[in-house]
PDB file of N, CA and C in Angstrom:
ATOM      1  N   UNK A   1     -28.655  46.794 -46.607  1.00  0.00           N
ATOM      2  CA  UNK A   1     -29.732  45.906 -46.227  1.00  0.00           C
ATOM      3  C   UNK A   1     -30.634  46.641 -45.243  1.00  0.00           C
ATOM      4  N   UNK A   2     -31.945  46.578 -45.449  1.00  0.00           N
ATOM      5  CA  UNK A   2     -32.851  47.240 -44.517  1.00  0.00           C
ATOM      6  C   UNK A   2     -32.798  46.560 -43.143  1.00  0.00           C
ATOM      7  N   UNK A   3     -33.155  47.293 -42.099  1.00  0.00           N
ATOM      8  CA  UNK A   3     -33.133  46.690 -40.762  1.00  0.00           C
ATOM      9  C   UNK A   3     -34.121  45.530 -40.683  1.00  0.00           C
ATOM     10  N   UNK A   4     -33.800  44.578 -39.846  1.00  0.00           N
ATOM     11  CA  UNK A   4     -34.669  43.409 -39.681  1.00  0.00           C
ATOM     12  C   UNK A   4     -35.804  43.731 -38.726  1.00  0.00           C
ATOM     13  N   UNK A   5     -36.930  43.104 -38.952  1.00  0.00           N
ATOM     14  CA  UNK A   5     -38.111  43.257 -38.109  1.00  0.00           C
ATOM     15  C   UNK A   5     -37.966  42.344 -36.899  1.00  0.00           C
ATOM     16  N   UNK A   6     -38.164  42.875 -35.716  1.00  0.00           N
ATOM     17  CA  UNK A   6     -38.133  42.083 -34.484  1.00  0.00           C
ATOM     18  C   UNK A   6     -39.550  41.765 -34.046  1.00  0.00           C
ATOM     19  N   UNK A   7     -39.743  40.543 -33.523  1.00  0.00           N
ATOM     20  CA  UNK A   7     -41.037  40.179 -32.964  1.00  0.00           C
ATOM     21  C   UNK A   7     -40.837  39.031 -31.981  1.00  0.00           C
ATOM     22  N   UNK A   8     -41.784  38.869 -31.105  1.00  0.00           N
ATOM     23  CA  UNK A   8     -41.734  37.819 -30.098  1.00  0.00           C
ATOM     24  C   UNK A   8     -42.275  36.526 -30.701  1.00  0.00           C
ATOM     25  N   UNK A   9     -41.581  35.428 -30.469  1.00  0.00           N
ATOM     26  CA  UNK A   9     -42.026  34.123 -30.951  1.00  0.00           C
ATOM     27  C   UNK A   9     -42.153  33.191 -29.761  1.00  0.00           C
ATOM     28  N   UNK A  10     -43.327  32.672 -29.567  1.00  0.00           N
ATOM     29  CA  UNK A  10     -43.534  31.675 -28.513  1.00  0.00           C
ATOM     30  C   UNK A  10     -43.451  30.317 -29.178  1.00  0.00           C
ATOM     31  N   UNK A  11     -42.621  29.443 -28.615  1.00  0.00           N
ATOM     32  CA  UNK A  11     -42.376  28.159 -29.254  1.00  0.00           C
ATOM     33  C   UNK A  11     -42.246  27.072 -28.196  1.00  0.00           C
ATOM     34  N   UNK A  12     -42.693  25.896 -28.535  1.00  0.00           N
ATOM     35  CA  UNK A  12     -42.613  24.746 -27.635  1.00  0.00           C
ATOM     36  C   UNK A  12     -41.140  24.492 -27.275  1.00  0.00           C
ATOM     37  N   UNK A  13     -40.828  24.295 -26.011  1.00  0.00           N
ATOM     38  CA  UNK A  13     -39.436  24.092 -25.600  1.00  0.00           C
ATOM     39  C   UNK A  13     -38.759  22.912 -26.299  1.00  0.00           C
ATOM     40  N   UNK A  14     -39.492  21.845 -26.548  1.00  0.00           N
ATOM     41  CA  UNK A  14     -38.889  20.692 -27.224  1.00  0.00           C
ATOM     42  C   UNK A  14     -38.540  21.022 -28.672  1.00  0.00           C
ATOM     43  N   UNK A  15     -39.393  21.785 -29.343  1.00  0.00           N
ATOM     44  CA  UNK A  15     -39.096  22.212 -30.700  1.00  0.00           C
ATOM     45  C   UNK A  15     -37.885  23.143 -30.693  1.00  0.00           C
ATOM     46  N   UNK A  16     -37.789  23.995 -29.692  1.00  0.00           N
ATOM     47  CA  UNK A  16     -36.634  24.888 -29.597  1.00  0.00           C
ATOM     48  C   UNK A  16     -35.340  24.088 -29.444  1.00  0.00           C
ATOM     49  N   UNK A  17     -35.387  23.015 -28.666  1.00  0.00           N
ATOM     50  CA  UNK A  17     -34.209  22.160 -28.507  1.00  0.00           C
ATOM     51  C   UNK A  17     -33.793  21.558 -29.858  1.00  0.00           C
ATOM     52  N   UNK A  18     -34.776  21.140 -30.643  1.00  0.00           N
ATOM     53  CA  UNK A  18     -34.497  20.603 -31.976  1.00  0.00           C
ATOM     54  C   UNK A  18     -33.834  21.674 -32.837  1.00  0.00           C
ATOM     55  N   UNK A  19     -34.375  22.892 -32.787  1.00  0.00           N
ATOM     56  CA  UNK A  19     -33.814  23.992 -33.568  1.00  0.00           C
ATOM     57  C   UNK A  19     -32.399  24.342 -33.110  1.00  0.00           C
ATOM     58  N   UNK A  20     -32.155  24.280 -31.804  1.00  0.00           N
ATOM     59  CA  UNK A  20     -30.809  24.550 -31.289  1.00  0.00           C
ATOM     60  C   UNK A  20     -29.801  23.554 -31.852  1.00  0.00           C
ATOM     61  N   UNK A  21     -30.151  22.284 -31.826  1.00  0.00           N
ATOM     62  CA  UNK A  21     -29.256  21.247 -32.342  1.00  0.00           C
ATOM     63  C   UNK A  21     -29.051  21.416 -33.839  1.00  0.00           C
ATOM     64  N   UNK A  22     -30.136  21.614 -34.561  1.00  0.00           N
ATOM     65  CA  UNK A  22     -30.073  21.777 -36.015  1.00  0.00           C
ATOM     66  C   UNK A  22     -29.204  22.975 -36.380  1.00  0.00           C
ATOM     67  N   UNK A  23     -29.422  24.091 -35.698  1.00  0.00           N
ATOM     68  CA  UNK A  23     -28.646  25.293 -36.008  1.00  0.00           C
ATOM     69  C   UNK A  23     -27.165  25.088 -35.684  1.00  0.00           C
ATOM     70  N   UNK A  24     -26.866  24.411 -34.600  1.00  0.00           N
ATOM     71  CA  UNK A  24     -25.475  24.130 -34.255  1.00  0.00           C
ATOM     72  C   UNK A  24     -24.829  23.238 -35.316  1.00  0.00           C
ATOM     73  N   UNK A  25     -25.573  22.257 -35.814  1.00  0.00           N
ATOM     74  CA  UNK A  25     -25.062  21.362 -36.859  1.00  0.00           C
ATOM     75  C   UNK A  25     -24.717  22.122 -38.138  1.00  0.00           C
ATOM     76  N   UNK A  26     -25.416  23.216 -38.388  1.00  0.00           N
ATOM     77  CA  UNK A  26     -25.203  24.000 -39.609  1.00  0.00           C
ATOM     78  C   UNK A  26     -24.469  25.316 -39.342  1.00  0.00           C
ATOM     79  N   UNK A  27     -23.916  25.447 -38.138  1.00  0.00           N
ATOM     80  CA  UNK A  27     -23.115  26.615 -37.756  1.00  0.00           C
ATOM     81  C   UNK A  27     -23.880  27.931 -37.920  1.00  0.00           C
ATOM     82  N   UNK A  28     -25.131  27.939 -37.469  1.00  0.00           N
ATOM     83  CA  UNK A  28     -25.964  29.140 -37.483  1.00  0.00           C
ATOM     84  C   UNK A  28     -26.501  29.374 -36.077  1.00  0.00           C
ATOM     85  N   UNK A  29     -26.932  30.603 -35.835  1.00  0.00           N
ATOM     86  CA  UNK A  29     -27.667  30.870 -34.597  1.00  0.00           C
ATOM     87  C   UNK A  29     -29.079  30.307 -34.776  1.00  0.00           C
ATOM     88  N   UNK A  30     -29.791  30.152 -33.682  1.00  0.00           N
ATOM     89  CA  UNK A  30     -31.172  29.669 -33.775  1.00  0.00           C
ATOM     90  C   UNK A  30     -31.994  30.665 -34.590  1.00  0.00           C
ATOM     91  N   UNK A  31     -31.793  31.949 -34.357  1.00  0.00           N
ATOM     92  CA  UNK A  31     -32.527  32.970 -35.102  1.00  0.00           C
ATOM     93  C   UNK A  31     -32.270  32.843 -36.607  1.00  0.00           C
ATOM     94  N   UNK A  32     -30.991  32.707 -36.983  1.00  0.00           N
ATOM     95  CA  UNK A  32     -30.648  32.574 -38.404  1.00  0.00           C
ATOM     96  C   UNK A  32     -31.224  31.289 -38.987  1.00  0.00           C
ATOM     97  N   UNK A  33     -31.256  30.226 -38.199  1.00  0.00           N
ATOM     98  CA  UNK A  33     -31.802  28.951 -38.677  1.00  0.00           C
ATOM     99  C   UNK A  33     -33.308  29.070 -38.927  1.00  0.00           C
ATOM    100  N   UNK A  34     -34.014  29.718 -38.025  1.00  0.00           N
ATOM    101  CA  UNK A  34     -35.454  29.916 -38.210  1.00  0.00           C
ATOM    102  C   UNK A  34     -35.700  30.748 -39.461  1.00  0.00           C
ATOM    103  N   UNK A  35     -34.924  31.817 -39.646  1.00  0.00           N
ATOM    104  CA  UNK A  35     -35.082  32.653 -40.832  1.00  0.00           C
ATOM    105  C   UNK A  35     -34.775  31.857 -42.096  1.00  0.00           C
ATOM    106  N   UNK A  36     -33.740  31.023 -42.068  1.00  0.00           N
ATOM    107  CA  UNK A  36     -33.383  30.179 -43.205  1.00  0.00           C
ATOM    108  C   UNK A  36     -34.528  29.219 -43.557  1.00  0.00           C
ATOM    109  N   UNK A  37     -35.089  28.568 -42.553  1.00  0.00           N
ATOM    110  CA  UNK A  37     -36.190  27.628 -42.774  1.00  0.00           C
ATOM    111  C   UNK A  37     -37.410  28.350 -43.352  1.00  0.00           C
ATOM    112  N   UNK A  38     -37.745  29.508 -42.782  1.00  0.00           N
ATOM    113  CA  UNK A  38     -38.903  30.265 -43.257  1.00  0.00           C
ATOM    114  C   UNK A  38     -38.692  30.788 -44.682  1.00  0.00           C
ATOM    115  N   UNK A  39     -37.472  31.270 -44.977  1.00  0.00           N
ATOM    116  CA  UNK A  39     -37.178  31.767 -46.319  1.00  0.00           C
ATOM    117  C   UNK A  39     -37.280  30.638 -47.349  1.00  0.00           C
ATOM    118  N   UNK A  40     -36.758  29.456 -47.008  1.00  0.00           N
ATOM    119  CA  UNK A  40     -36.880  28.309 -47.906  1.00  0.00           C
ATOM    120  C   UNK A  40     -38.342  27.944 -48.145  1.00  0.00           C
ATOM    121  N   UNK A  41     -39.123  27.896 -47.094  1.00  0.00           N
ATOM    122  CA  UNK A  41     -40.534  27.546 -47.229  1.00  0.00           C
ATOM    123  C   UNK A  41     -41.277  28.585 -48.069  1.00  0.00           C
ATOM    124  N   UNK A  42     -41.000  29.852 -47.832  1.00  0.00           N
ATOM    125  CA  UNK A  42     -41.654  30.924 -48.598  1.00  0.00           C
ATOM    126  C   UNK A  42     -41.252  30.870 -50.067  1.00  0.00           C
ATOM    127  N   UNK A  43     -39.984  30.574 -50.329  1.00  0.00           N
ATOM    128  CA  UNK A  43     -39.523  30.471 -51.709  1.00  0.00           C
ATOM    129  C   UNK A  43     -40.156  29.305 -52.436  1.00  0.00           C
ATOM    130  N   UNK A  44     -40.190  28.157 -51.792  1.00  0.00           N
ATOM    131  CA  UNK A  44     -40.773  26.970 -52.409  1.00  0.00           C
ATOM    132  C   UNK A  44     -42.273  27.107 -52.615  1.00  0.00           C
ATOM    133  N   UNK A  45     -42.916  27.929 -51.782  1.00  0.00           N
ATOM    134  CA  UNK A  45     -44.353  28.167 -51.918  1.00  0.00           C
ATOM    135  C   UNK A  45     -44.656  29.268 -52.928  1.00  0.00           C
ATOM    136  N   UNK A  46     -43.601  29.859 -53.511  1.00  0.00           N
ATOM    137  CA  UNK A  46     -43.804  30.916 -54.496  1.00  0.00           C
ATOM    138  C   UNK A  46     -44.216  32.245 -53.892  1.00  0.00           C
ATOM    139  N   UNK A  47     -43.865  32.473 -52.644  1.00  0.00           N
ATOM    140  CA  UNK A  47     -44.250  33.703 -51.939  1.00  0.00           C
ATOM    141  C   UNK A  47     -43.186  34.790 -51.982  1.00  0.00           C
ATOM    142  N   UNK A  48     -42.012  34.479 -52.526  1.00  0.00           N
ATOM    143  CA  UNK A  48     -40.933  35.460 -52.644  1.00  0.00           C
ATOM    144  C   UNK A  48     -40.776  35.854 -54.107  1.00  0.00           C
ATOM    145  N   UNK A  49     -40.130  36.995 -54.358  1.00  0.00           N
ATOM    146  CA  UNK A  49     -39.838  37.358 -55.752  1.00  0.00           C
ATOM    147  C   UNK A  49     -39.049  36.246 -56.439  1.00  0.00           C
ATOM    148  N   UNK A  50     -39.205  36.126 -57.748  1.00  0.00           N
ATOM    149  CA  UNK A  50     -38.584  35.039 -58.505  1.00  0.00           C
ATOM    150  C   UNK A  50     -37.075  34.982 -58.314  1.00  0.00           C
ATOM    151  N   UNK A  51     -36.424  36.146 -58.244  1.00  0.00           N
ATOM    152  CA  UNK A  51     -34.972  36.185 -58.082  1.00  0.00           C
ATOM    153  C   UNK A  51     -34.564  35.505 -56.771  1.00  0.00           C
ATOM    154  N   UNK A  52     -35.253  35.838 -55.684  1.00  0.00           N
ATOM    155  CA  UNK A  52     -34.931  35.234 -54.390  1.00  0.00           C
ATOM    156  C   UNK A  52     -35.237  33.743 -54.396  1.00  0.00           C
ATOM    157  N   UNK A  53     -36.341  33.358 -55.017  1.00  0.00           N
ATOM    158  CA  UNK A  53     -36.713  31.950 -55.081  1.00  0.00           C
ATOM    159  C   UNK A  53     -35.654  31.159 -55.839  1.00  0.00           C
ATOM    160  N   UNK A  54     -35.158  31.712 -56.947  1.00  0.00           N
ATOM    161  CA  UNK A  54     -34.118  31.036 -57.725  1.00  0.00           C
ATOM    162  C   UNK A  54     -32.856  30.854 -56.887  1.00  0.00           C
ATOM    163  N   UNK A  55     -32.484  31.861 -56.107  1.00  0.00           N
ATOM    164  CA  UNK A  55     -31.303  31.755 -55.251  1.00  0.00           C
ATOM    165  C   UNK A  55     -31.481  30.642 -54.221  1.00  0.00           C
ATOM    166  N   UNK A  56     -32.664  30.557 -53.639  1.00  0.00           N
ATOM    167  CA  UNK A  56     -32.940  29.537 -52.627  1.00  0.00           C
ATOM    168  C   UNK A  56     -32.867  28.147 -53.247  1.00  0.00           C
ATOM    169  N   UNK A  57     -33.486  27.986 -54.388  1.00  0.00           N
ATOM    170  CA  UNK A  57     -33.480  26.675 -55.042  1.00  0.00           C
ATOM    171  C   UNK A  57     -32.074  26.275 -55.460  1.00  0.00           C
ATOM    172  N   UNK A  58     -31.256  27.228 -55.877  1.00  0.00           N
ATOM    173  CA  UNK A  58     -29.864  26.930 -56.223  1.00  0.00           C
ATOM    174  C   UNK A  58     -29.054  26.542 -55.006  1.00  0.00           C
ATOM    175  N   UNK A  59     -29.328  27.151 -53.860  1.00  0.00           N
ATOM    176  CA  UNK A  59     -28.628  26.797 -52.621  1.00  0.00           C
ATOM    177  C   UNK A  59     -28.969  25.374 -52.211  1.00  0.00           C
ATOM    178  N   UNK A  60     -30.215  24.968 -52.423  1.00  0.00           N
ATOM    179  CA  UNK A  60     -30.630  23.619 -52.043  1.00  0.00           C
ATOM    180  C   UNK A  60     -29.921  22.549 -52.861  1.00  0.00           C
ATOM    181  N   UNK A  61     -29.488  22.885 -54.060  1.00  0.00           N
ATOM    182  CA  UNK A  61     -28.815  21.915 -54.928  1.00  0.00           C
ATOM    183  C   UNK A  61     -27.377  21.681 -54.529  1.00  0.00           C
ATOM    184  N   UNK A  62     -26.798  22.579 -53.734  1.00  0.00           N
ATOM    185  CA  UNK A  62     -25.388  22.461 -53.329  1.00  0.00           C
ATOM    186  C   UNK A  62     -25.193  21.382 -52.305  1.00  0.00           C
TER     187      UNK A  62
END
């Protein structure tokens, strides 16, 4: 797997609290939860390769 890109994200503290709770509920780190949400949105918007989009849509059905 290629190395991940790092960048600074400024986010509203209340939204971060929501993400913390959500990520804890799904046993992920906040970083992994944000990446999961963004990957799902990109897949559903047709912005990822078809193979990745199919994997995302199949995960949503589980």
